[in-house]
Structures are given as structure tokens and as C-alpha cells.
Protein backbone atom coordinates (compact mmCIF):
# COMPACT_ATOMS: atom_id res chain seq x y z
CA MET A 1 -50.40 -76.24 21.12
CA LEU A 2 -48.22 -79.15 20.33
CA GLY A 3 -44.24 -79.15 21.23
CA ASP A 4 -41.37 -81.24 22.42
CA SER A 5 -38.22 -81.03 20.39
CA GLN A 6 -34.54 -80.64 22.26
CA GLU A 7 -32.19 -79.12 20.09
CA ASP A 8 -28.27 -77.56 21.18
CA VAL A 9 -28.09 -75.29 18.84
CA GLY A 10 -27.27 -72.14 20.92
CA PHE A 11 -28.99 -68.67 21.14
CA ASP A 12 -30.55 -69.87 17.92
CA ILE A 13 -34.79 -69.50 17.93
CA THR A 14 -35.35 -70.09 14.13
CA THR A 15 -37.89 -73.30 13.86
CA ARG A 16 -36.59 -75.84 11.12
CA VAL A 17 -39.27 -77.59 9.49
CA PRO A 18 -37.60 -81.43 10.11
CA VAL A 19 -38.31 -80.62 13.41
CA LEU A 20 -41.77 -79.45 13.05
CA SER A 21 -42.50 -82.32 11.06
CA GLU A 22 -41.21 -84.75 13.60
CA ILE A 23 -43.75 -82.87 16.45
CA ALA A 24 -46.29 -83.29 13.49
CA ALA A 25 -45.90 -87.61 13.47
CA ARG A 26 -45.23 -87.84 16.39
CA ASN A 27 -48.57 -86.27 17.79
CA ILE A 28 -50.87 -87.67 14.44
CA GLN A 29 -49.66 -91.27 15.76
CA VAL A 30 -51.68 -90.15 19.33
CA PHE A 31 -54.37 -88.13 18.19
CA PRO A 32 -55.11 -89.17 14.44
CA ALA A 33 -57.81 -86.41 13.99
CA LEU A 34 -54.83 -83.79 13.72
CA GLN A 35 -53.84 -85.12 10.26
CA ASP A 36 -55.89 -83.12 8.53
CA VAL A 37 -56.01 -79.92 10.57
CA ASN A 38 -54.13 -76.68 9.32
CA ILE A 39 -50.68 -75.30 10.88
CA VAL A 40 -51.71 -71.92 12.17
CA ARG A 41 -48.07 -70.68 13.56
CA THR A 42 -44.96 -71.76 14.64
CA TRP A 43 -42.48 -70.75 16.98
CA ALA A 44 -39.10 -71.86 18.80
CA ALA A 45 -38.00 -70.40 22.30
CA LEU A 46 -34.60 -71.22 24.27
CA ARG A 47 -34.92 -74.19 26.96
CA VAL A 48 -32.34 -73.26 30.32
CA MET A 49 -30.84 -76.41 31.02
CA SER A 50 -28.53 -77.15 33.31
CA PRO A 51 -25.16 -78.93 32.18
CA ASP A 52 -26.55 -82.37 33.74
CA GLY A 53 -29.95 -81.83 33.27
CA PHE A 54 -31.16 -81.87 36.73
CA PRO A 55 -32.34 -78.43 38.53
CA ILE A 56 -30.39 -76.09 40.21
CA TYR A 57 -31.99 -75.20 43.91
CA GLU A 58 -29.79 -72.96 45.64
CA GLN A 59 -29.13 -69.62 48.21
CA SER A 60 -27.66 -66.85 47.89
CA GLU A 61 -24.42 -66.53 49.88
CA ARG A 62 -23.99 -63.05 49.16
CA PHE A 63 -27.81 -62.20 49.64
CA PRO A 64 -29.09 -64.13 52.34
CA GLY A 65 -32.90 -64.74 51.74
CA ALA A 66 -32.69 -64.84 47.57
CA PHE A 67 -32.93 -68.00 46.57
CA ALA A 68 -32.46 -69.80 43.64
CA ALA A 69 -34.54 -72.59 41.42
CA THR A 70 -34.14 -73.14 38.06
CA CYS A 71 -34.96 -75.95 35.27
CA HIS A 72 -35.22 -76.60 31.72
CA SER A 73 -39.32 -77.80 32.60
CA GLY A 74 -40.58 -74.37 34.72
CA VAL A 75 -43.91 -75.03 33.75
CA THR A 76 -44.80 -78.80 33.70
CA LEU A 77 -42.95 -79.08 37.23
CA ALA A 78 -43.38 -75.84 38.54
CA GLY A 79 -45.92 -77.63 41.23
CA ALA A 80 -43.14 -80.61 42.14
CA HIS A 81 -41.05 -77.90 42.93
CA ALA A 82 -42.94 -75.58 44.45
CA LEU A 83 -44.33 -78.60 47.05
CA ALA A 84 -40.67 -79.04 47.70
CA LEU A 85 -39.10 -75.59 47.69
CA ALA A 86 -41.74 -73.19 48.84
CA PRO A 87 -41.96 -74.45 52.61
CA ALA A 88 -37.91 -74.53 52.78
CA ILE A 89 -37.97 -71.00 51.19
CA MET A 90 -40.41 -69.83 53.85
CA ALA A 91 -38.37 -70.90 56.36
CA GLY A 92 -35.56 -69.25 55.20
CA SER A 93 -32.98 -72.09 54.28
CA LEU A 94 -32.85 -75.71 52.30
CA PRO A 95 -33.04 -78.64 53.19
CA ALA A 96 -29.59 -80.80 53.55
CA GLU A 97 -31.25 -83.47 51.00
CA LEU A 98 -31.52 -80.97 48.57
CA GLU A 99 -27.54 -79.62 48.54
CA ALA A 100 -27.06 -82.36 45.47
CA PHE A 101 -29.20 -79.74 43.35
CA HIS A 102 -26.62 -76.74 44.32
CA SER A 103 -24.63 -74.78 41.88
CA ARG A 104 -21.19 -76.46 43.54
CA ARG A 105 -21.54 -79.27 41.80
CA PHE A 106 -20.34 -78.08 38.67
CA GLY A 107 -16.88 -76.90 39.68
CA SER A 108 -16.31 -73.32 39.80
């Protein structure tokens, strides 16, 4: 499984041949043995990302005890988020150093 593209296309989840070609070319540079393999399947998905590209961590003001932890790469960065957030969520509040990641930074 190969993938690493990022496009600003709204809610369009179609795959595009030029993007697939770029992904293939980059991966062949790293793994030359892939040059002669056949592509079996392609797909696209939406990747959630905040306007500034940084995660959003916060506790609901309306529903205390409900927390949000969002980022564009929840799979690859899950360990990093879990180590910082799990203990805080278990304690019932986020530490002051995570305040910079609150959604208030976007204004309304």
C-alpha cells in the first residue's frame, strides 16, 4: 500500500492519474523492485486537516468529560497523540501547554 498525496479538492474523492503517477515514481525511486509490479487497486479518501495544519485538542465546554483530538494523520501519529492526551483525558482536563491547540485559535 502506497500513498502520500495531498490535494485541496473539497469533498471529491476520485483518484487522478497524474497524482497516482507521482506516487508511483517516488516509490520506485526508493524501491526500484516496484518498477515492474501491476497496480491492483487505487482509492482516495478525505484527510481532515485544520486550517493551520496543527491538531485540535480540547474538552467540550458544553459536555465536560467529552474531549476532541483531531489531526490529519491520526493513524501514523496516534502513538504521539495517545502519549500526550490519554493521561490528561483520564485525569479529566488537558494541561495548559496544550491550550495552543484549542479551536479558539481560529476565532469563532
